[in-house]
N, C-alpha and C. Protein backbone atom coordinates (compact mmCIF):
# COMPACT_ATOMS: atom_id res chain seq x y z
N MET A 1 0.86 -1.19 0.00
CA MET A 1 0.00 0.00 0.00
C MET A 1 0.89 1.24 0.00
N ALA A 2 0.96 1.95 -1.11
CA ALA A 2 1.82 3.11 -1.24
C ALA A 2 1.25 4.30 -0.47
N ARG A 3 2.14 5.08 0.12
CA ARG A 3 1.72 6.29 0.83
C ARG A 3 2.89 7.25 0.92
N TYR A 4 2.61 8.50 1.13
CA TYR A 4 3.64 9.52 1.27
C TYR A 4 4.19 9.46 2.69
N ILE A 5 5.52 9.40 2.84
CA ILE A 5 6.13 9.30 4.17
C ILE A 5 7.09 10.46 4.44
N GLY A 6 7.04 11.49 3.60
CA GLY A 6 7.90 12.65 3.80
C GLY A 6 7.30 13.65 4.78
N PRO A 7 7.95 14.81 4.95
CA PRO A 7 7.48 15.84 5.88
C PRO A 7 6.11 16.40 5.46
N ALA A 8 5.15 16.36 6.36
CA ALA A 8 3.80 16.84 6.04
C ALA A 8 3.77 18.35 5.89
N CYS A 9 4.55 19.08 6.69
CA CYS A 9 4.53 20.54 6.64
C CYS A 9 5.07 21.06 5.32
N LYS A 10 5.95 20.30 4.67
CA LYS A 10 6.47 20.72 3.38
C LYS A 10 5.36 20.77 2.34
N LEU A 11 4.36 19.91 2.46
CA LEU A 11 3.24 19.91 1.52
C LEU A 11 2.42 21.18 1.67
N CYS A 12 2.21 21.60 2.91
CA CYS A 12 1.46 22.84 3.15
C CYS A 12 2.22 24.04 2.58
N ARG A 13 3.53 24.07 2.79
CA ARG A 13 4.34 25.17 2.29
C ARG A 13 4.31 25.21 0.76
N ARG A 14 4.31 24.04 0.12
CA ARG A 14 4.29 24.01 -1.34
C ARG A 14 2.97 24.53 -1.88
N GLU A 15 1.87 24.27 -1.18
CA GLU A 15 0.56 24.74 -1.65
C GLU A 15 0.27 26.17 -1.22
N GLY A 16 1.11 26.72 -0.35
CA GLY A 16 0.94 28.11 0.05
C GLY A 16 -0.18 28.34 1.05
N GLU A 17 -0.66 27.29 1.70
CA GLU A 17 -1.70 27.43 2.72
C GLU A 17 -1.70 26.20 3.63
N LYS A 18 -2.30 26.36 4.78
CA LYS A 18 -2.36 25.25 5.72
C LYS A 18 -3.36 24.21 5.25
N LEU A 19 -2.93 22.96 5.20
CA LEU A 19 -3.83 21.85 4.87
C LEU A 19 -4.24 21.09 6.12
N PHE A 20 -3.71 21.50 7.28
CA PHE A 20 -4.04 20.90 8.59
C PHE A 20 -3.82 19.39 8.57
N LEU A 21 -2.66 18.99 8.04
CA LEU A 21 -2.33 17.57 7.94
C LEU A 21 -1.90 16.98 9.26
N LYS A 22 -1.53 17.83 10.24
CA LYS A 22 -1.07 17.33 11.53
C LYS A 22 -2.06 17.61 12.66
N GLY A 23 -3.28 17.94 12.32
CA GLY A 23 -4.30 18.12 13.34
C GLY A 23 -4.05 19.31 14.24
N GLU A 24 -4.08 19.09 15.55
CA GLU A 24 -3.98 20.16 16.53
C GLU A 24 -2.66 20.92 16.44
N ARG A 25 -1.60 20.27 16.03
CA ARG A 25 -0.29 20.92 15.93
C ARG A 25 -0.34 22.11 14.98
N CYS A 26 -1.19 22.03 13.97
CA CYS A 26 -1.28 23.10 12.98
C CYS A 26 -1.83 24.39 13.58
N PHE A 27 -2.45 24.31 14.75
CA PHE A 27 -3.01 25.50 15.40
C PHE A 27 -2.05 26.09 16.43
N THR A 28 -0.85 25.55 16.53
CA THR A 28 0.13 26.00 17.52
C THR A 28 1.29 26.70 16.82
N PRO A 29 2.11 27.45 17.59
CA PRO A 29 3.30 28.09 16.99
C PRO A 29 4.33 27.10 16.47
N LYS A 30 4.19 25.82 16.80
CA LYS A 30 5.13 24.81 16.30
C LYS A 30 4.92 24.50 14.82
N CYS A 31 3.82 24.95 14.28
CA CYS A 31 3.52 24.70 12.87
C CYS A 31 4.60 25.33 11.99
N ALA A 32 5.21 24.53 11.11
CA ALA A 32 6.30 25.04 10.26
C ALA A 32 5.81 26.11 9.29
N PHE A 33 4.54 26.05 8.91
CA PHE A 33 4.01 27.04 7.97
C PHE A 33 4.00 28.44 8.59
N GLU A 34 3.86 28.52 9.90
CA GLU A 34 3.86 29.82 10.57
C GLU A 34 5.24 30.47 10.48
N ARG A 35 6.29 29.65 10.49
CA ARG A 35 7.65 30.18 10.47
C ARG A 35 8.20 30.34 9.06
N ARG A 36 7.76 29.46 8.14
CA ARG A 36 8.27 29.50 6.77
C ARG A 36 7.10 29.26 5.81
N SER A 37 6.42 30.31 5.48
CA SER A 37 5.23 30.17 4.63
C SER A 37 5.55 30.13 3.14
N TYR A 38 6.82 30.28 2.80
CA TYR A 38 7.22 30.22 1.39
C TYR A 38 7.42 28.77 0.97
N ALA A 39 7.46 28.55 -0.35
CA ALA A 39 7.60 27.19 -0.88
C ALA A 39 8.94 26.59 -0.48
N PRO A 40 8.99 25.26 -0.28
CA PRO A 40 10.25 24.62 0.10
C PRO A 40 11.23 24.60 -1.07
N GLY A 41 12.49 24.36 -0.78
CA GLY A 41 13.49 24.28 -1.84
C GLY A 41 14.38 25.50 -1.88
N GLU A 42 15.40 25.39 -2.71
CA GLU A 42 16.44 26.43 -2.79
C GLU A 42 15.90 27.77 -3.26
N HIS A 43 14.90 27.74 -4.16
CA HIS A 43 14.39 28.97 -4.74
C HIS A 43 12.99 29.33 -4.23
N GLY A 44 12.56 28.70 -3.16
CA GLY A 44 11.21 28.93 -2.67
C GLY A 44 10.95 30.36 -2.26
N ARG A 45 11.83 30.94 -1.45
CA ARG A 45 11.64 32.32 -0.98
C ARG A 45 11.75 33.31 -2.13
N ALA A 46 12.68 33.06 -3.06
CA ALA A 46 12.89 33.98 -4.17
C ALA A 46 11.69 34.01 -5.10
N SER A 47 11.11 32.84 -5.40
CA SER A 47 9.96 32.80 -6.30
C SER A 47 8.76 33.50 -5.70
N GLN A 48 8.64 33.47 -4.38
CA GLN A 48 7.53 34.16 -3.72
C GLN A 48 7.69 35.66 -3.83
N SER A 49 8.91 36.15 -3.66
CA SER A 49 9.14 37.60 -3.69
C SER A 49 9.02 38.17 -5.10
N ARG A 50 9.32 37.35 -6.13
CA ARG A 50 9.24 37.85 -7.51
C ARG A 50 7.80 38.03 -7.96
N GLY A 51 6.87 37.27 -7.39
CA GLY A 51 5.47 37.39 -7.78
C GLY A 51 5.24 37.04 -9.23
N GLU A 52 5.75 35.89 -9.65
CA GLU A 52 5.67 35.49 -11.04
C GLU A 52 4.23 35.22 -11.47
N ARG A 53 3.95 35.42 -12.75
CA ARG A 53 2.61 35.16 -13.29
C ARG A 53 2.33 33.66 -13.28
N VAL A 54 1.15 33.28 -12.84
CA VAL A 54 0.78 31.88 -12.75
C VAL A 54 -0.04 31.49 -13.97
N SER A 55 0.37 30.45 -14.68
CA SER A 55 -0.33 30.00 -15.88
C SER A 55 -1.57 29.20 -15.51
N ASP A 56 -2.44 28.98 -16.49
CA ASP A 56 -3.64 28.18 -16.27
C ASP A 56 -3.26 26.75 -15.88
N TYR A 57 -2.26 26.21 -16.56
CA TYR A 57 -1.82 24.85 -16.23
C TYR A 57 -1.33 24.76 -14.80
N SER A 58 -0.59 25.77 -14.36
CA SER A 58 -0.07 25.77 -12.99
C SER A 58 -1.20 25.79 -11.97
N ARG A 59 -2.23 26.60 -12.22
CA ARG A 59 -3.37 26.67 -11.31
C ARG A 59 -4.11 25.33 -11.27
N GLN A 60 -4.26 24.69 -12.41
CA GLN A 60 -4.93 23.39 -12.47
C GLN A 60 -4.12 22.33 -11.73
N LEU A 61 -2.81 22.34 -11.94
CA LEU A 61 -1.94 21.38 -11.27
C LEU A 61 -1.96 21.56 -9.76
N ARG A 62 -1.90 22.80 -9.31
CA ARG A 62 -1.90 23.06 -7.87
C ARG A 62 -3.22 22.64 -7.23
N ALA A 63 -4.34 22.84 -7.94
CA ALA A 63 -5.64 22.43 -7.41
C ALA A 63 -5.69 20.92 -7.27
N LYS A 64 -5.15 20.22 -8.25
CA LYS A 64 -5.14 18.75 -8.19
C LYS A 64 -4.21 18.26 -7.08
N GLN A 65 -3.05 18.85 -6.97
CA GLN A 65 -2.09 18.45 -5.95
C GLN A 65 -2.62 18.73 -4.54
N LYS A 66 -3.30 19.86 -4.38
CA LYS A 66 -3.86 20.20 -3.08
C LYS A 66 -4.88 19.15 -2.63
N ALA A 67 -5.76 18.74 -3.54
CA ALA A 67 -6.76 17.73 -3.20
C ALA A 67 -6.10 16.39 -2.87
N ARG A 68 -5.11 16.02 -3.66
CA ARG A 68 -4.40 14.76 -3.41
C ARG A 68 -3.76 14.75 -2.03
N ARG A 69 -3.10 15.83 -1.70
CA ARG A 69 -2.37 15.91 -0.44
C ARG A 69 -3.32 16.03 0.75
N LEU A 70 -4.44 16.70 0.55
CA LEU A 70 -5.40 16.85 1.63
C LEU A 70 -5.96 15.49 2.05
N TYR A 71 -6.24 14.64 1.07
CA TYR A 71 -6.83 13.33 1.36
C TYR A 71 -5.77 12.23 1.48
N GLY A 72 -4.49 12.56 1.25
CA GLY A 72 -3.42 11.58 1.42
C GLY A 72 -3.43 10.49 0.37
N ILE A 73 -3.61 10.88 -0.90
CA ILE A 73 -3.73 9.91 -1.99
C ILE A 73 -2.62 10.16 -3.01
N LEU A 74 -2.05 9.11 -3.55
CA LEU A 74 -1.04 9.24 -4.59
C LEU A 74 -1.70 9.36 -5.97
N GLU A 75 -0.90 9.69 -6.96
CA GLU A 75 -1.43 10.08 -8.27
C GLU A 75 -2.25 8.99 -8.95
N ARG A 76 -1.76 7.75 -8.98
CA ARG A 76 -2.46 6.71 -9.72
C ARG A 76 -3.86 6.47 -9.16
N GLN A 77 -3.97 6.44 -7.84
CA GLN A 77 -5.28 6.22 -7.22
C GLN A 77 -6.19 7.42 -7.44
N PHE A 78 -5.63 8.62 -7.37
CA PHE A 78 -6.44 9.82 -7.57
C PHE A 78 -6.99 9.86 -9.00
N ARG A 79 -6.16 9.48 -9.97
CA ARG A 79 -6.62 9.44 -11.35
C ARG A 79 -7.73 8.40 -11.53
N ARG A 80 -7.62 7.29 -10.80
CA ARG A 80 -8.66 6.26 -10.88
C ARG A 80 -9.98 6.79 -10.30
N TYR A 81 -9.90 7.54 -9.22
CA TYR A 81 -11.11 8.14 -8.65
C TYR A 81 -11.75 9.10 -9.67
N PHE A 82 -10.92 9.84 -10.40
CA PHE A 82 -11.46 10.76 -11.40
C PHE A 82 -12.17 9.99 -12.51
N SER A 83 -11.60 8.86 -12.91
CA SER A 83 -12.22 8.04 -13.95
C SER A 83 -13.59 7.53 -13.49
N VAL A 84 -13.68 7.15 -12.22
CA VAL A 84 -14.96 6.70 -11.66
C VAL A 84 -15.96 7.84 -11.65
N ALA A 85 -15.51 9.03 -11.24
CA ALA A 85 -16.40 10.19 -11.20
C ALA A 85 -16.88 10.58 -12.59
N LEU A 86 -16.03 10.38 -13.58
CA LEU A 86 -16.36 10.74 -14.96
C LEU A 86 -17.48 9.87 -15.51
N ARG A 87 -17.55 8.64 -15.05
CA ARG A 87 -18.57 7.71 -15.55
C ARG A 87 -19.91 7.87 -14.86
N LYS A 88 -19.95 8.57 -13.75
CA LYS A 88 -21.19 8.77 -13.03
C LYS A 88 -22.01 9.90 -13.64
N ARG A 89 -23.30 9.89 -13.36
CA ARG A 89 -24.15 10.99 -13.80
C ARG A 89 -23.92 12.20 -12.91
N GLY A 90 -24.16 13.38 -13.45
CA GLY A 90 -24.02 14.58 -12.66
C GLY A 90 -22.71 15.30 -12.93
N LEU A 91 -22.37 16.23 -12.05
CA LEU A 91 -21.15 17.02 -12.19
C LEU A 91 -19.93 16.19 -11.82
N THR A 92 -18.98 16.10 -12.72
CA THR A 92 -17.80 15.27 -12.49
C THR A 92 -17.02 15.74 -11.27
N GLY A 93 -16.85 17.05 -11.12
CA GLY A 93 -16.10 17.58 -9.99
C GLY A 93 -16.73 17.22 -8.66
N LEU A 94 -18.05 17.38 -8.55
CA LEU A 94 -18.75 17.02 -7.32
C LEU A 94 -18.69 15.53 -7.08
N ASN A 95 -18.85 14.74 -8.13
CA ASN A 95 -18.74 13.28 -7.99
C ASN A 95 -17.38 12.88 -7.42
N LEU A 96 -16.33 13.55 -7.89
CA LEU A 96 -14.98 13.25 -7.42
C LEU A 96 -14.83 13.56 -5.94
N LEU A 97 -15.29 14.74 -5.52
CA LEU A 97 -15.17 15.12 -4.12
C LEU A 97 -16.00 14.20 -3.22
N GLN A 98 -17.17 13.82 -3.66
CA GLN A 98 -18.00 12.91 -2.87
C GLN A 98 -17.34 11.54 -2.73
N THR A 99 -16.70 11.08 -3.80
CA THR A 99 -15.98 9.81 -3.74
C THR A 99 -14.85 9.87 -2.73
N LEU A 100 -14.11 10.97 -2.73
CA LEU A 100 -13.00 11.14 -1.78
C LEU A 100 -13.52 11.20 -0.34
N GLU A 101 -14.65 11.87 -0.15
CA GLU A 101 -15.21 11.99 1.20
C GLU A 101 -15.69 10.66 1.74
N LEU A 102 -16.09 9.75 0.86
CA LEU A 102 -16.65 8.47 1.29
C LEU A 102 -15.59 7.40 1.55
N ARG A 103 -14.31 7.75 1.43
CA ARG A 103 -13.26 6.81 1.83
C ARG A 103 -13.39 6.54 3.33
N LEU A 104 -13.10 5.32 3.74
CA LEU A 104 -13.27 4.95 5.14
C LEU A 104 -12.40 5.78 6.07
N ASP A 105 -11.13 6.03 5.69
CA ASP A 105 -10.27 6.82 6.57
C ASP A 105 -10.78 8.25 6.72
N ASN A 106 -11.35 8.82 5.64
CA ASN A 106 -11.89 10.16 5.73
C ASN A 106 -13.16 10.19 6.58
N VAL A 107 -14.00 9.16 6.47
CA VAL A 107 -15.22 9.11 7.28
C VAL A 107 -14.88 9.03 8.77
N VAL A 108 -13.87 8.22 9.12
CA VAL A 108 -13.42 8.14 10.52
C VAL A 108 -12.96 9.51 10.99
N PHE A 109 -12.23 10.23 10.14
CA PHE A 109 -11.77 11.58 10.49
C PHE A 109 -12.95 12.54 10.62
N ARG A 110 -13.88 12.49 9.68
CA ARG A 110 -15.03 13.40 9.71
C ARG A 110 -15.94 13.13 10.91
N MET A 111 -15.93 11.91 11.41
CA MET A 111 -16.72 11.60 12.60
C MET A 111 -16.06 12.12 13.87
N GLY A 112 -14.82 12.59 13.74
CA GLY A 112 -14.10 13.11 14.90
C GLY A 112 -13.40 12.04 15.70
N LEU A 113 -13.24 10.84 15.14
CA LEU A 113 -12.62 9.74 15.86
C LEU A 113 -11.11 9.66 15.64
N ALA A 114 -10.56 10.64 14.93
CA ALA A 114 -9.11 10.71 14.71
C ALA A 114 -8.73 12.18 14.59
N GLU A 115 -7.51 12.50 14.96
CA GLU A 115 -7.06 13.89 14.94
C GLU A 115 -6.86 14.40 13.53
N ASN A 116 -6.44 13.54 12.63
CA ASN A 116 -6.23 13.91 11.23
C ASN A 116 -6.41 12.67 10.36
N ARG A 117 -6.35 12.84 9.06
CA ARG A 117 -6.58 11.71 8.16
C ARG A 117 -5.46 10.67 8.23
N ALA A 118 -4.25 11.12 8.51
CA ALA A 118 -3.14 10.17 8.62
C ALA A 118 -3.35 9.23 9.81
N GLN A 119 -3.82 9.79 10.93
CA GLN A 119 -4.09 8.96 12.09
C GLN A 119 -5.27 8.03 11.82
N ALA A 120 -6.30 8.54 11.13
CA ALA A 120 -7.45 7.70 10.79
C ALA A 120 -7.01 6.54 9.90
N ARG A 121 -6.15 6.83 8.95
CA ARG A 121 -5.64 5.77 8.06
C ARG A 121 -4.90 4.70 8.85
N GLN A 122 -4.09 5.13 9.82
CA GLN A 122 -3.34 4.17 10.63
C GLN A 122 -4.26 3.31 11.48
N LEU A 123 -5.27 3.92 12.08
CA LEU A 123 -6.22 3.17 12.90
C LEU A 123 -6.97 2.13 12.09
N VAL A 124 -7.37 2.52 10.87
CA VAL A 124 -8.08 1.57 10.01
C VAL A 124 -7.14 0.45 9.59
N THR A 125 -5.92 0.79 9.21
CA THR A 125 -4.95 -0.21 8.76
C THR A 125 -4.67 -1.24 9.84
N HIS A 126 -4.70 -0.82 11.10
CA HIS A 126 -4.44 -1.73 12.21
C HIS A 126 -5.68 -2.54 12.60
N GLY A 127 -6.77 -2.37 11.87
CA GLY A 127 -7.94 -3.20 12.07
C GLY A 127 -8.79 -2.87 13.27
N HIS A 128 -8.83 -1.60 13.67
CA HIS A 128 -9.60 -1.21 14.86
C HIS A 128 -11.07 -0.92 14.56
N PHE A 129 -11.47 -0.91 13.29
CA PHE A 129 -12.84 -0.53 12.94
C PHE A 129 -13.58 -1.65 12.23
N LEU A 130 -14.89 -1.66 12.45
CA LEU A 130 -15.79 -2.57 11.75
C LEU A 130 -16.67 -1.76 10.82
N VAL A 131 -16.95 -2.32 9.65
CA VAL A 131 -17.90 -1.73 8.72
C VAL A 131 -19.03 -2.73 8.52
N ASN A 132 -20.21 -2.33 8.96
CA ASN A 132 -21.38 -3.23 8.92
C ASN A 132 -21.08 -4.55 9.64
N GLY A 133 -20.36 -4.43 10.77
CA GLY A 133 -20.09 -5.60 11.61
C GLY A 133 -18.90 -6.44 11.18
N ARG A 134 -18.25 -6.07 10.09
CA ARG A 134 -17.11 -6.85 9.60
C ARG A 134 -15.82 -6.05 9.73
N ARG A 135 -14.79 -6.68 10.25
CA ARG A 135 -13.52 -6.01 10.43
C ARG A 135 -12.89 -5.72 9.07
N THR A 136 -12.34 -4.51 8.93
CA THR A 136 -11.69 -4.13 7.68
C THR A 136 -10.43 -3.35 7.99
N ASP A 137 -9.43 -3.52 7.15
CA ASP A 137 -8.17 -2.79 7.32
C ASP A 137 -7.79 -2.07 6.03
N ILE A 138 -8.79 -1.65 5.26
CA ILE A 138 -8.57 -1.00 3.97
C ILE A 138 -9.02 0.46 4.07
N PRO A 139 -8.10 1.41 4.24
CA PRO A 139 -8.49 2.83 4.39
C PRO A 139 -9.22 3.39 3.18
N SER A 140 -8.94 2.84 1.98
CA SER A 140 -9.55 3.38 0.77
C SER A 140 -10.93 2.80 0.47
N MET A 141 -11.44 1.96 1.36
CA MET A 141 -12.76 1.37 1.15
C MET A 141 -13.81 2.48 1.01
N LEU A 142 -14.62 2.41 -0.04
CA LEU A 142 -15.64 3.42 -0.28
C LEU A 142 -16.95 3.00 0.37
N LEU A 143 -17.48 3.87 1.21
CA LEU A 143 -18.73 3.58 1.91
C LEU A 143 -19.92 4.11 1.13
N ARG A 144 -21.10 3.67 1.53
CA ARG A 144 -22.33 4.10 0.90
C ARG A 144 -23.33 4.52 1.99
N PRO A 145 -24.33 5.33 1.63
CA PRO A 145 -25.35 5.69 2.62
C PRO A 145 -25.97 4.45 3.24
N GLY A 146 -26.03 4.46 4.57
CA GLY A 146 -26.56 3.33 5.31
C GLY A 146 -25.49 2.47 5.96
N ASP A 147 -24.24 2.59 5.51
CA ASP A 147 -23.16 1.80 6.11
C ASP A 147 -22.88 2.26 7.54
N LYS A 148 -22.62 1.30 8.42
CA LYS A 148 -22.33 1.59 9.82
C LYS A 148 -20.86 1.34 10.12
N ILE A 149 -20.24 2.29 10.84
CA ILE A 149 -18.84 2.17 11.25
C ILE A 149 -18.78 2.15 12.76
N SER A 150 -18.00 1.24 13.32
CA SER A 150 -17.88 1.14 14.77
C SER A 150 -16.49 0.67 15.14
N VAL A 151 -16.10 0.99 16.37
CA VAL A 151 -14.81 0.54 16.89
C VAL A 151 -14.94 -0.92 17.31
N ARG A 152 -13.98 -1.73 16.93
CA ARG A 152 -14.00 -3.15 17.25
C ARG A 152 -14.00 -3.37 18.76
N GLU A 153 -14.76 -4.35 19.22
CA GLU A 153 -14.91 -4.62 20.65
C GLU A 153 -13.55 -4.86 21.30
N GLY A 154 -12.68 -5.60 20.64
CA GLY A 154 -11.37 -5.89 21.22
C GLY A 154 -10.46 -4.71 21.32
N SER A 155 -10.77 -3.62 20.62
CA SER A 155 -9.92 -2.43 20.64
C SER A 155 -10.34 -1.43 21.71
N ARG A 156 -11.53 -1.57 22.25
CA ARG A 156 -12.05 -0.55 23.17
C ARG A 156 -11.32 -0.54 24.51
N SER A 157 -10.61 -1.60 24.84
CA SER A 157 -9.87 -1.65 26.11
C SER A 157 -8.53 -0.93 26.02
N ARG A 158 -8.13 -0.55 24.82
CA ARG A 158 -6.86 0.17 24.65
C ARG A 158 -7.00 1.59 25.18
N PRO A 159 -5.90 2.16 25.73
CA PRO A 159 -5.96 3.52 26.31
C PRO A 159 -6.46 4.57 25.33
N PHE A 160 -6.07 4.48 24.07
CA PHE A 160 -6.49 5.49 23.09
C PHE A 160 -8.02 5.52 22.96
N PHE A 161 -8.63 4.34 22.87
CA PHE A 161 -10.08 4.28 22.65
C PHE A 161 -10.85 4.54 23.95
N LYS A 162 -10.22 4.32 25.09
CA LYS A 162 -10.89 4.66 26.36
C LYS A 162 -11.09 6.17 26.47
N GLU A 163 -10.16 6.94 25.93
CA GLU A 163 -10.24 8.39 25.99
C GLU A 163 -10.84 9.01 24.73
N LEU A 164 -11.21 8.16 23.78
CA LEU A 164 -11.66 8.66 22.48
C LEU A 164 -12.97 9.43 22.57
N ALA A 165 -13.88 9.00 23.41
CA ALA A 165 -15.18 9.68 23.50
C ALA A 165 -15.01 11.12 23.97
N ASP A 166 -14.14 11.34 24.97
CA ASP A 166 -13.90 12.70 25.46
C ASP A 166 -13.22 13.55 24.39
N PHE A 167 -12.30 12.94 23.65
CA PHE A 167 -11.61 13.65 22.58
C PHE A 167 -12.57 14.01 21.45
N ALA A 168 -13.39 13.04 21.04
CA ALA A 168 -14.29 13.25 19.90
C ALA A 168 -15.40 14.24 20.23
N GLU A 169 -15.77 14.34 21.51
CA GLU A 169 -16.84 15.25 21.90
C GLU A 169 -16.49 16.70 21.59
N LYS A 170 -15.20 17.02 21.58
CA LYS A 170 -14.75 18.38 21.30
C LYS A 170 -14.69 18.67 19.81
N ARG A 171 -14.87 17.65 18.99
CA ARG A 171 -14.77 17.81 17.54
C ARG A 171 -16.14 17.66 16.89
N ASN A 172 -16.38 18.46 15.87
CA ASN A 172 -17.66 18.40 15.17
C ASN A 172 -17.73 17.17 14.27
N CYS A 173 -18.93 16.64 14.14
CA CYS A 173 -19.18 15.54 13.22
C CYS A 173 -19.85 16.11 11.97
N ALA A 174 -19.44 15.64 10.80
CA ALA A 174 -20.04 16.11 9.56
C ALA A 174 -21.55 15.88 9.56
N LEU A 175 -22.29 16.80 8.94
CA LEU A 175 -23.75 16.74 8.96
C LEU A 175 -24.29 15.53 8.20
N TRP A 176 -23.52 15.01 7.27
CA TRP A 176 -23.99 13.86 6.49
C TRP A 176 -23.68 12.53 7.17
N LEU A 177 -23.15 12.62 8.39
CA LEU A 177 -22.86 11.44 9.19
C LEU A 177 -23.61 11.50 10.51
N ASP A 178 -23.86 10.35 11.08
CA ASP A 178 -24.46 10.25 12.41
C ASP A 178 -23.44 9.60 13.33
N ARG A 179 -23.33 10.10 14.57
CA ARG A 179 -22.30 9.61 15.48
C ARG A 179 -22.88 9.34 16.86
N ASP A 180 -22.52 8.22 17.44
CA ASP A 180 -22.94 7.86 18.79
C ASP A 180 -21.68 7.58 19.61
N LEU A 181 -21.28 8.55 20.44
CA LEU A 181 -20.04 8.41 21.19
C LEU A 181 -20.14 7.38 22.31
N SER A 182 -21.35 7.09 22.76
CA SER A 182 -21.51 6.11 23.83
C SER A 182 -21.12 4.71 23.36
N THR A 183 -21.29 4.45 22.07
CA THR A 183 -20.93 3.15 21.51
C THR A 183 -19.76 3.25 20.53
N LEU A 184 -19.21 4.47 20.39
CA LEU A 184 -18.10 4.71 19.45
C LEU A 184 -18.45 4.16 18.06
N SER A 185 -19.58 4.58 17.58
CA SER A 185 -20.04 4.12 16.27
C SER A 185 -20.69 5.27 15.51
N GLY A 186 -20.95 5.04 14.25
CA GLY A 186 -21.59 6.06 13.43
C GLY A 186 -22.16 5.45 12.17
N ARG A 187 -22.84 6.28 11.40
CA ARG A 187 -23.49 5.79 10.18
C ARG A 187 -23.43 6.87 9.10
N VAL A 188 -23.31 6.43 7.87
CA VAL A 188 -23.37 7.35 6.73
C VAL A 188 -24.83 7.58 6.39
N LEU A 189 -25.30 8.80 6.56
CA LEU A 189 -26.70 9.10 6.34
C LEU A 189 -27.02 9.34 4.87
N ARG A 190 -26.12 10.05 4.19
CA ARG A 190 -26.37 10.44 2.80
C ARG A 190 -25.06 10.89 2.18
N LEU A 191 -25.12 11.22 0.90
CA LEU A 191 -23.94 11.77 0.23
C LEU A 191 -23.73 13.21 0.70
N PRO A 192 -22.47 13.63 0.87
CA PRO A 192 -22.24 15.02 1.29
C PRO A 192 -22.57 16.00 0.18
N GLU A 193 -23.11 17.14 0.55
CA GLU A 193 -23.36 18.21 -0.42
C GLU A 193 -22.09 19.03 -0.60
N ARG A 194 -22.05 19.81 -1.68
CA ARG A 194 -20.81 20.57 -1.96
C ARG A 194 -20.47 21.54 -0.84
N ALA A 195 -21.47 22.16 -0.24
CA ALA A 195 -21.22 23.13 0.83
C ALA A 195 -20.65 22.47 2.08
N GLU A 196 -20.76 21.15 2.18
CA GLU A 196 -20.26 20.42 3.36
C GLU A 196 -18.87 19.85 3.15
N ILE A 197 -18.27 20.14 1.99
CA ILE A 197 -16.92 19.70 1.67
C ILE A 197 -16.01 20.92 1.67
N ASP A 198 -14.74 20.73 1.96
CA ASP A 198 -13.80 21.84 2.07
C ASP A 198 -13.97 22.83 0.92
N GLY A 199 -14.19 24.09 1.28
CA GLY A 199 -14.46 25.11 0.27
C GLY A 199 -13.23 25.59 -0.48
N ASN A 200 -12.02 25.29 0.04
CA ASN A 200 -10.81 25.75 -0.63
C ASN A 200 -10.36 24.81 -1.74
N LEU A 201 -11.14 23.77 -2.02
CA LEU A 201 -10.84 22.88 -3.13
C LEU A 201 -11.53 23.38 -4.40
N SER A 202 -10.82 23.37 -5.51
CA SER A 202 -11.37 23.84 -6.78
C SER A 202 -11.55 22.65 -7.71
N GLU A 203 -12.70 22.01 -7.61
CA GLU A 203 -12.92 20.79 -8.39
C GLU A 203 -12.97 21.06 -9.89
N GLN A 204 -13.40 22.27 -10.28
CA GLN A 204 -13.45 22.58 -11.70
C GLN A 204 -12.05 22.62 -12.32
N LEU A 205 -11.09 23.14 -11.57
CA LEU A 205 -9.71 23.17 -12.07
C LEU A 205 -9.15 21.76 -12.18
N ILE A 206 -9.56 20.87 -11.28
CA ILE A 206 -9.11 19.47 -11.36
C ILE A 206 -9.67 18.81 -12.62
N VAL A 207 -10.95 19.07 -12.91
CA VAL A 207 -11.56 18.53 -14.12
C VAL A 207 -10.85 19.06 -15.36
N GLU A 208 -10.52 20.34 -15.35
CA GLU A 208 -9.81 20.93 -16.49
C GLU A 208 -8.43 20.31 -16.65
N TYR A 209 -7.77 20.00 -15.54
CA TYR A 209 -6.44 19.41 -15.61
C TYR A 209 -6.47 18.05 -16.30
N TYR A 210 -7.42 17.21 -15.91
CA TYR A 210 -7.50 15.87 -16.50
C TYR A 210 -8.17 15.85 -17.87
N SER A 211 -8.74 16.98 -18.26
CA SER A 211 -9.41 17.05 -19.56
C SER A 211 -8.52 17.65 -20.64
N ARG A 212 -7.28 17.93 -20.29
CA ARG A 212 -6.37 18.52 -21.28
C ARG A 212 -6.15 17.58 -22.47
């Protein structure tokens, strides 16, 4: 299972904005973006000061890269998600974002049961969650309305999950999900609407990038 294992803060610096890949740390002065908001690399600071003109291709590429990095997906898988969205009825860009939101690791994060998507991915990979009563360790599993997610009974005795209810109570749950902290479970109620997905993503630019 391929994944990015490099510095997470470098991704935020490259996109020129916080992607909140490290959860609570991103809200503290320890966040690298607060100290070095310019792009990484030898010429990062210089390119920022020059204020170079950005081409249409560059804007499309950055929009695609931002979405990939936000959800923690590599290029081949992201392109496959786009192909799936293209075959569905409706707006391709919205279909793509809805597909990304319905990944199991993202649903765990949106339910507030993990600090960030990377932690949610790790928890799922270690087999701590059940989907419709069956144990799964596939973070990219796509859920559907009506699917139920719960913490495995054998995992609830672990210190992390004993404190999870108090941690999750401080975090909002997405409106398209239902959450029950007393049983550490939740359900997908419906597909997310565009207003309920990160507004800083430009799905139209992603569609334009793959339509070249």
